[in-house]
Amino acid sequence: MPVRSFSSRVFVWPSRAEVKAALEAWVPAAVERHPELLRLGAFGSYARGDWGVGSDLDLVAVVRASDQPFEQRAVNWDLNALPVPADLLIYTAEEWDRLQRRGGRFAETLAREAEWLFTRPSNPNAP
């Protein structure tokens, strides 16, 4: 998390490279803890490269299915290892397909910006 120097009023915010390295280290643990995960990506200011002090990390996940309401799905995901605040949106595969078919501004933003960090092979037995 960002820290304030004891002798300064300036926040020291992690660089994009630091956030990316922490995210890449976090992904394998998330994949292991969530076998339902199909895809995981980042979008928003860190993905675009225009982040700044105070920017959060925007993440999107696609899971096979979920019996939890959309608003509660991220509660079971530990984001504490990430060096900046993170928002995680979790869609089921059906919801994701519907979002992509329906289109709209958010779907276009995801299509343009998302950096996919993990994609499960179509054939689960594939290497």
N, C-alpha and C. Protein backbone atom coordinates (compact mmCIF):
# COMPACT_ATOMS: atom_id res chain seq x y z
N MET A 1 0.84 -1.18 0.00
CA MET A 1 0.00 0.00 0.00
C MET A 1 0.88 1.24 0.00
N PRO A 2 0.32 2.35 -0.44
CA PRO A 2 1.12 3.57 -0.46
C PRO A 2 1.53 3.95 0.96
N VAL A 3 2.66 4.59 1.07
CA VAL A 3 3.15 5.00 2.38
C VAL A 3 3.50 6.48 2.36
N ARG A 4 3.45 7.07 3.54
CA ARG A 4 3.84 8.47 3.67
C ARG A 4 5.18 8.51 4.38
N SER A 5 6.09 9.25 3.84
CA SER A 5 7.39 9.41 4.48
C SER A 5 7.20 10.18 5.78
N PHE A 6 7.94 9.82 6.82
CA PHE A 6 7.82 10.51 8.10
C PHE A 6 8.23 11.97 8.02
N SER A 7 9.13 12.30 7.12
CA SER A 7 9.63 13.67 7.03
C SER A 7 9.00 14.45 5.89
N SER A 8 7.99 13.92 5.28
CA SER A 8 7.40 14.57 4.11
C SER A 8 5.89 14.36 4.09
N ARG A 9 5.23 15.27 3.44
CA ARG A 9 3.79 15.14 3.24
C ARG A 9 3.48 14.46 1.90
N VAL A 10 4.50 13.99 1.22
CA VAL A 10 4.34 13.39 -0.10
C VAL A 10 4.11 11.89 0.04
N PHE A 11 3.11 11.40 -0.67
CA PHE A 11 2.88 9.96 -0.74
C PHE A 11 3.86 9.33 -1.71
N VAL A 12 4.36 8.17 -1.35
CA VAL A 12 5.17 7.38 -2.26
C VAL A 12 4.26 6.29 -2.79
N TRP A 13 4.00 6.32 -4.08
CA TRP A 13 3.06 5.38 -4.70
C TRP A 13 3.85 4.38 -5.52
N PRO A 14 3.50 3.12 -5.50
CA PRO A 14 4.22 2.12 -6.28
C PRO A 14 4.19 2.45 -7.78
N SER A 15 5.29 2.15 -8.44
CA SER A 15 5.35 2.38 -9.88
C SER A 15 4.49 1.33 -10.61
N ARG A 16 4.27 1.58 -11.88
CA ARG A 16 3.53 0.63 -12.69
C ARG A 16 4.25 -0.71 -12.73
N ALA A 17 5.58 -0.67 -12.82
CA ALA A 17 6.37 -1.91 -12.86
C ALA A 17 6.23 -2.68 -11.54
N GLU A 18 6.22 -1.97 -10.42
CA GLU A 18 6.05 -2.64 -9.12
C GLU A 18 4.66 -3.27 -9.00
N VAL A 19 3.66 -2.55 -9.45
CA VAL A 19 2.29 -3.08 -9.40
C VAL A 19 2.17 -4.28 -10.31
N LYS A 20 2.73 -4.19 -11.52
CA LYS A 20 2.66 -5.31 -12.46
C LYS A 20 3.38 -6.54 -11.91
N ALA A 21 4.55 -6.34 -11.31
CA ALA A 21 5.29 -7.47 -10.74
C ALA A 21 4.50 -8.12 -9.60
N ALA A 22 3.91 -7.31 -8.75
CA ALA A 22 3.10 -7.86 -7.65
C ALA A 22 1.88 -8.59 -8.18
N LEU A 23 1.26 -8.04 -9.21
CA LEU A 23 0.09 -8.68 -9.82
C LEU A 23 0.47 -10.01 -10.44
N GLU A 24 1.59 -10.04 -11.17
CA GLU A 24 2.04 -11.29 -11.79
C GLU A 24 2.40 -12.35 -10.74
N ALA A 25 2.90 -11.92 -9.60
CA ALA A 25 3.20 -12.86 -8.51
C ALA A 25 1.91 -13.34 -7.83
N TRP A 26 0.89 -12.51 -7.82
CA TRP A 26 -0.38 -12.83 -7.17
C TRP A 26 -1.23 -13.79 -8.01
N VAL A 27 -1.14 -13.70 -9.32
CA VAL A 27 -2.01 -14.48 -10.22
C VAL A 27 -1.93 -15.99 -9.97
N PRO A 28 -0.76 -16.61 -9.91
CA PRO A 28 -0.73 -18.07 -9.69
C PRO A 28 -1.44 -18.51 -8.40
N ALA A 29 -1.30 -17.73 -7.35
CA ALA A 29 -2.00 -18.07 -6.09
C ALA A 29 -3.50 -17.95 -6.27
N ALA A 30 -3.94 -16.93 -7.00
CA ALA A 30 -5.38 -16.75 -7.25
C ALA A 30 -5.92 -17.90 -8.08
N VAL A 31 -5.16 -18.32 -9.08
CA VAL A 31 -5.57 -19.45 -9.93
C VAL A 31 -5.69 -20.71 -9.10
N GLU A 32 -4.73 -20.93 -8.20
CA GLU A 32 -4.77 -22.13 -7.36
C GLU A 32 -5.95 -22.10 -6.39
N ARG A 33 -6.22 -20.95 -5.81
CA ARG A 33 -7.32 -20.84 -4.83
C ARG A 33 -8.70 -20.85 -5.47
N HIS A 34 -8.75 -20.53 -6.77
CA HIS A 34 -10.04 -20.41 -7.45
C HIS A 34 -10.05 -21.25 -8.72
N PRO A 35 -10.26 -22.56 -8.59
CA PRO A 35 -10.25 -23.44 -9.76
C PRO A 35 -11.36 -23.12 -10.76
N GLU A 36 -12.35 -22.36 -10.35
CA GLU A 36 -13.43 -21.96 -11.25
C GLU A 36 -13.01 -20.84 -12.20
N LEU A 37 -11.83 -20.27 -11.98
CA LEU A 37 -11.35 -19.14 -12.77
C LEU A 37 -11.04 -19.56 -14.21
N LEU A 38 -11.59 -18.83 -15.16
CA LEU A 38 -11.33 -19.07 -16.58
C LEU A 38 -10.39 -18.03 -17.17
N ARG A 39 -10.57 -16.77 -16.77
CA ARG A 39 -9.75 -15.66 -17.28
C ARG A 39 -9.58 -14.62 -16.20
N LEU A 40 -8.44 -13.94 -16.23
CA LEU A 40 -8.18 -12.86 -15.29
C LEU A 40 -7.39 -11.80 -16.01
N GLY A 41 -7.84 -10.56 -15.91
CA GLY A 41 -7.15 -9.47 -16.58
C GLY A 41 -7.21 -8.17 -15.82
N ALA A 42 -6.38 -7.24 -16.27
CA ALA A 42 -6.36 -5.88 -15.71
C ALA A 42 -6.83 -4.92 -16.79
N PHE A 43 -7.50 -3.86 -16.36
CA PHE A 43 -7.91 -2.81 -17.28
C PHE A 43 -7.82 -1.49 -16.52
N GLY A 44 -8.16 -0.41 -17.14
CA GLY A 44 -8.12 0.87 -16.45
C GLY A 44 -6.75 1.52 -16.53
N SER A 45 -6.49 2.43 -15.60
CA SER A 45 -5.30 3.29 -15.70
C SER A 45 -3.99 2.51 -15.69
N TYR A 46 -3.88 1.44 -14.90
CA TYR A 46 -2.62 0.68 -14.91
C TYR A 46 -2.43 -0.06 -16.23
N ALA A 47 -3.48 -0.57 -16.80
CA ALA A 47 -3.37 -1.25 -18.09
C ALA A 47 -3.07 -0.25 -19.21
N ARG A 48 -3.68 0.94 -19.12
CA ARG A 48 -3.45 1.96 -20.16
C ARG A 48 -2.10 2.64 -20.01
N GLY A 49 -1.56 2.65 -18.77
CA GLY A 49 -0.28 3.32 -18.53
C GLY A 49 -0.42 4.75 -18.08
N ASP A 50 -1.63 5.21 -17.76
CA ASP A 50 -1.80 6.59 -17.32
C ASP A 50 -2.17 6.68 -15.83
N TRP A 51 -1.69 5.74 -15.04
CA TRP A 51 -1.93 5.71 -13.60
C TRP A 51 -1.23 6.89 -12.94
N GLY A 52 -1.63 7.15 -11.72
CA GLY A 52 -1.00 8.20 -10.93
C GLY A 52 -1.19 7.92 -9.46
N VAL A 53 -0.68 8.80 -8.62
CA VAL A 53 -0.85 8.65 -7.19
C VAL A 53 -2.34 8.59 -6.89
N GLY A 54 -2.73 7.55 -6.18
CA GLY A 54 -4.14 7.37 -5.84
C GLY A 54 -4.88 6.43 -6.77
N SER A 55 -4.25 6.03 -7.88
CA SER A 55 -4.93 5.11 -8.80
C SER A 55 -5.10 3.74 -8.17
N ASP A 56 -6.23 3.14 -8.45
CA ASP A 56 -6.44 1.77 -8.01
C ASP A 56 -6.20 0.83 -9.18
N LEU A 57 -6.16 -0.44 -8.88
CA LEU A 57 -5.94 -1.47 -9.90
C LEU A 57 -7.29 -2.09 -10.23
N ASP A 58 -7.70 -2.00 -11.47
CA ASP A 58 -8.97 -2.55 -11.92
C ASP A 58 -8.75 -3.93 -12.52
N LEU A 59 -9.41 -4.93 -11.97
CA LEU A 59 -9.27 -6.31 -12.41
C LEU A 59 -10.62 -6.86 -12.84
N VAL A 60 -10.59 -7.76 -13.81
CA VAL A 60 -11.79 -8.45 -14.25
C VAL A 60 -11.49 -9.94 -14.31
N ALA A 61 -12.43 -10.73 -13.80
CA ALA A 61 -12.29 -12.18 -13.81
C ALA A 61 -13.53 -12.79 -14.43
N VAL A 62 -13.32 -13.90 -15.10
CA VAL A 62 -14.43 -14.70 -15.64
C VAL A 62 -14.32 -16.07 -14.99
N VAL A 63 -15.41 -16.51 -14.37
CA VAL A 63 -15.45 -17.81 -13.71
C VAL A 63 -16.50 -18.68 -14.38
N ARG A 64 -16.38 -20.00 -14.19
CA ARG A 64 -17.35 -20.92 -14.82
C ARG A 64 -18.77 -20.58 -14.40
N ALA A 65 -18.98 -20.48 -13.11
CA ALA A 65 -20.32 -20.21 -12.57
C ALA A 65 -20.15 -19.70 -11.15
N SER A 66 -21.20 -19.13 -10.62
CA SER A 66 -21.19 -18.67 -9.23
C SER A 66 -22.62 -18.64 -8.73
N ASP A 67 -22.80 -19.03 -7.47
CA ASP A 67 -24.13 -18.92 -6.87
C ASP A 67 -24.24 -17.67 -6.00
N GLN A 68 -23.20 -16.84 -6.00
CA GLN A 68 -23.23 -15.59 -5.25
C GLN A 68 -23.69 -14.45 -6.14
N PRO A 69 -24.33 -13.44 -5.56
CA PRO A 69 -24.67 -12.25 -6.34
C PRO A 69 -23.39 -11.56 -6.83
N PHE A 70 -23.48 -10.89 -7.94
CA PHE A 70 -22.33 -10.21 -8.56
C PHE A 70 -21.58 -9.35 -7.55
N GLU A 71 -22.31 -8.58 -6.76
CA GLU A 71 -21.71 -7.62 -5.83
C GLU A 71 -20.91 -8.29 -4.72
N GLN A 72 -21.14 -9.58 -4.45
CA GLN A 72 -20.48 -10.25 -3.34
C GLN A 72 -19.36 -11.20 -3.76
N ARG A 73 -19.17 -11.40 -5.03
CA ARG A 73 -18.22 -12.42 -5.50
C ARG A 73 -16.77 -12.13 -5.12
N ALA A 74 -16.36 -10.90 -5.11
CA ALA A 74 -14.96 -10.57 -4.85
C ALA A 74 -14.59 -10.70 -3.37
N VAL A 75 -15.56 -10.85 -2.50
CA VAL A 75 -15.30 -10.94 -1.06
C VAL A 75 -14.36 -12.11 -0.74
N ASN A 76 -14.45 -13.20 -1.47
CA ASN A 76 -13.65 -14.39 -1.20
C ASN A 76 -12.29 -14.37 -1.89
N TRP A 77 -11.91 -13.27 -2.47
CA TRP A 77 -10.63 -13.15 -3.15
C TRP A 77 -9.72 -12.26 -2.32
N ASP A 78 -8.55 -12.77 -1.99
CA ASP A 78 -7.59 -12.02 -1.17
C ASP A 78 -6.75 -11.12 -2.07
N LEU A 79 -7.00 -9.83 -1.98
CA LEU A 79 -6.28 -8.85 -2.79
C LEU A 79 -5.20 -8.12 -1.98
N ASN A 80 -4.99 -8.55 -0.75
CA ASN A 80 -4.08 -7.84 0.16
C ASN A 80 -2.62 -7.87 -0.28
N ALA A 81 -2.22 -8.82 -1.10
CA ALA A 81 -0.82 -8.87 -1.55
C ALA A 81 -0.52 -7.82 -2.61
N LEU A 82 -1.55 -7.19 -3.14
CA LEU A 82 -1.35 -6.17 -4.18
C LEU A 82 -0.98 -4.84 -3.52
N PRO A 83 -0.03 -4.10 -4.09
CA PRO A 83 0.50 -2.91 -3.43
C PRO A 83 -0.37 -1.65 -3.51
N VAL A 84 -1.47 -1.73 -4.24
CA VAL A 84 -2.41 -0.60 -4.33
C VAL A 84 -3.82 -1.16 -4.14
N PRO A 85 -4.78 -0.32 -3.78
CA PRO A 85 -6.16 -0.80 -3.70
C PRO A 85 -6.58 -1.39 -5.05
N ALA A 86 -7.38 -2.45 -4.99
CA ALA A 86 -7.82 -3.12 -6.22
C ALA A 86 -9.32 -3.33 -6.20
N ASP A 87 -9.93 -3.15 -7.36
CA ASP A 87 -11.34 -3.47 -7.58
C ASP A 87 -11.39 -4.67 -8.50
N LEU A 88 -12.11 -5.70 -8.08
CA LEU A 88 -12.22 -6.93 -8.86
C LEU A 88 -13.67 -7.16 -9.25
N LEU A 89 -13.92 -7.20 -10.55
CA LEU A 89 -15.25 -7.51 -11.08
C LEU A 89 -15.22 -8.96 -11.54
N ILE A 90 -16.16 -9.77 -11.05
CA ILE A 90 -16.18 -11.19 -11.37
C ILE A 90 -17.47 -11.53 -12.11
N TYR A 91 -17.31 -11.96 -13.35
CA TYR A 91 -18.43 -12.36 -14.19
C TYR A 91 -18.43 -13.87 -14.36
N THR A 92 -19.61 -14.46 -14.43
CA THR A 92 -19.68 -15.86 -14.84
C THR A 92 -19.47 -15.90 -16.35
N ALA A 93 -19.15 -17.08 -16.87
CA ALA A 93 -18.94 -17.22 -18.32
C ALA A 93 -20.19 -16.78 -19.08
N GLU A 94 -21.36 -17.13 -18.57
CA GLU A 94 -22.61 -16.74 -19.23
C GLU A 94 -22.79 -15.22 -19.21
N GLU A 95 -22.53 -14.59 -18.07
CA GLU A 95 -22.63 -13.13 -17.98
C GLU A 95 -21.63 -12.45 -18.90
N TRP A 96 -20.42 -13.00 -18.95
CA TRP A 96 -19.39 -12.42 -19.81
C TRP A 96 -19.80 -12.49 -21.28
N ASP A 97 -20.29 -13.64 -21.70
CA ASP A 97 -20.75 -13.78 -23.08
C ASP A 97 -21.88 -12.80 -23.38
N ARG A 98 -22.79 -12.66 -22.46
CA ARG A 98 -23.91 -11.72 -22.64
C ARG A 98 -23.40 -10.28 -22.73
N LEU A 99 -22.44 -9.92 -21.88
CA LEU A 99 -21.86 -8.57 -21.91
C LEU A 99 -21.20 -8.30 -23.26
N GLN A 100 -20.46 -9.28 -23.76
CA GLN A 100 -19.78 -9.12 -25.04
C GLN A 100 -20.78 -9.01 -26.21
N ARG A 101 -21.83 -9.81 -26.17
CA ARG A 101 -22.86 -9.76 -27.23
C ARG A 101 -23.62 -8.45 -27.21
N ARG A 102 -23.95 -8.00 -26.01
CA ARG A 102 -24.75 -6.78 -25.86
C ARG A 102 -23.94 -5.56 -26.26
N GLY A 103 -22.64 -5.61 -26.00
CA GLY A 103 -21.78 -4.48 -26.34
C GLY A 103 -21.99 -3.32 -25.39
N GLY A 104 -21.77 -2.14 -25.86
CA GLY A 104 -21.90 -0.95 -25.04
C GLY A 104 -20.54 -0.44 -24.62
N ARG A 105 -20.55 0.69 -23.94
CA ARG A 105 -19.33 1.39 -23.59
C ARG A 105 -18.37 0.55 -22.73
N PHE A 106 -18.90 -0.11 -21.70
CA PHE A 106 -18.03 -0.88 -20.82
C PHE A 106 -17.42 -2.07 -21.55
N ALA A 107 -18.20 -2.78 -22.35
CA ALA A 107 -17.68 -3.90 -23.13
C ALA A 107 -16.60 -3.43 -24.09
N GLU A 108 -16.79 -2.28 -24.69
CA GLU A 108 -15.79 -1.72 -25.61
C GLU A 108 -14.51 -1.36 -24.86
N THR A 109 -14.66 -0.79 -23.66
CA THR A 109 -13.50 -0.44 -22.85
C THR A 109 -12.71 -1.69 -22.50
N LEU A 110 -13.40 -2.74 -22.07
CA LEU A 110 -12.72 -3.99 -21.73
C LEU A 110 -12.02 -4.59 -22.95
N ALA A 111 -12.68 -4.56 -24.09
CA ALA A 111 -12.08 -5.12 -25.31
C ALA A 111 -10.82 -4.34 -25.70
N ARG A 112 -10.83 -3.05 -25.49
CA ARG A 112 -9.71 -2.20 -25.88
C ARG A 112 -8.57 -2.26 -24.86
N GLU A 113 -8.89 -2.30 -23.56
CA GLU A 113 -7.87 -2.11 -22.54
C GLU A 113 -7.39 -3.37 -21.83
N ALA A 114 -8.20 -4.39 -21.78
CA ALA A 114 -7.87 -5.53 -20.92
C ALA A 114 -6.56 -6.19 -21.31
N GLU A 115 -5.70 -6.35 -20.32
CA GLU A 115 -4.47 -7.13 -20.45
C GLU A 115 -4.73 -8.44 -19.73
N TRP A 116 -4.89 -9.52 -20.47
CA TRP A 116 -5.22 -10.81 -19.87
C TRP A 116 -3.96 -11.45 -19.30
N LEU A 117 -4.00 -11.70 -18.02
CA LEU A 117 -2.86 -12.26 -17.29
C LEU A 117 -2.96 -13.77 -17.17
N PHE A 118 -4.18 -14.29 -17.28
CA PHE A 118 -4.40 -15.73 -17.18
C PHE A 118 -5.61 -16.07 -18.03
N THR A 119 -5.46 -17.13 -18.82
CA THR A 119 -6.57 -17.71 -19.57
C THR A 119 -6.43 -19.22 -19.48
N ARG A 120 -7.46 -19.86 -18.93
CA ARG A 120 -7.44 -21.32 -18.81
C ARG A 120 -7.59 -21.92 -20.20
N PRO A 121 -6.79 -22.93 -20.53
CA PRO A 121 -6.94 -23.57 -21.84
C PRO A 121 -8.36 -24.13 -22.01
N SER A 122 -8.85 -24.11 -23.25
CA SER A 122 -10.18 -24.65 -23.53
C SER A 122 -10.29 -26.10 -23.11
N ASN A 123 -9.23 -26.83 -23.37
CA ASN A 123 -9.19 -28.23 -22.97
C ASN A 123 -8.48 -28.30 -21.61
N PRO A 124 -9.22 -28.58 -20.53
CA PRO A 124 -8.59 -28.56 -19.21
C PRO A 124 -7.47 -29.56 -19.05
N ASN A 125 -7.36 -30.54 -19.95
CA ASN A 125 -6.28 -31.53 -19.87
C ASN A 125 -5.06 -31.09 -20.69
N ALA A 126 -5.19 -29.97 -21.39
CA ALA A 126 -4.06 -29.48 -22.20
C ALA A 126 -2.98 -28.93 -21.28
N PRO A 127 -1.73 -28.98 -21.72
CA PRO A 127 -0.64 -28.46 -20.90
C PRO A 127 -0.71 -26.96 -20.72
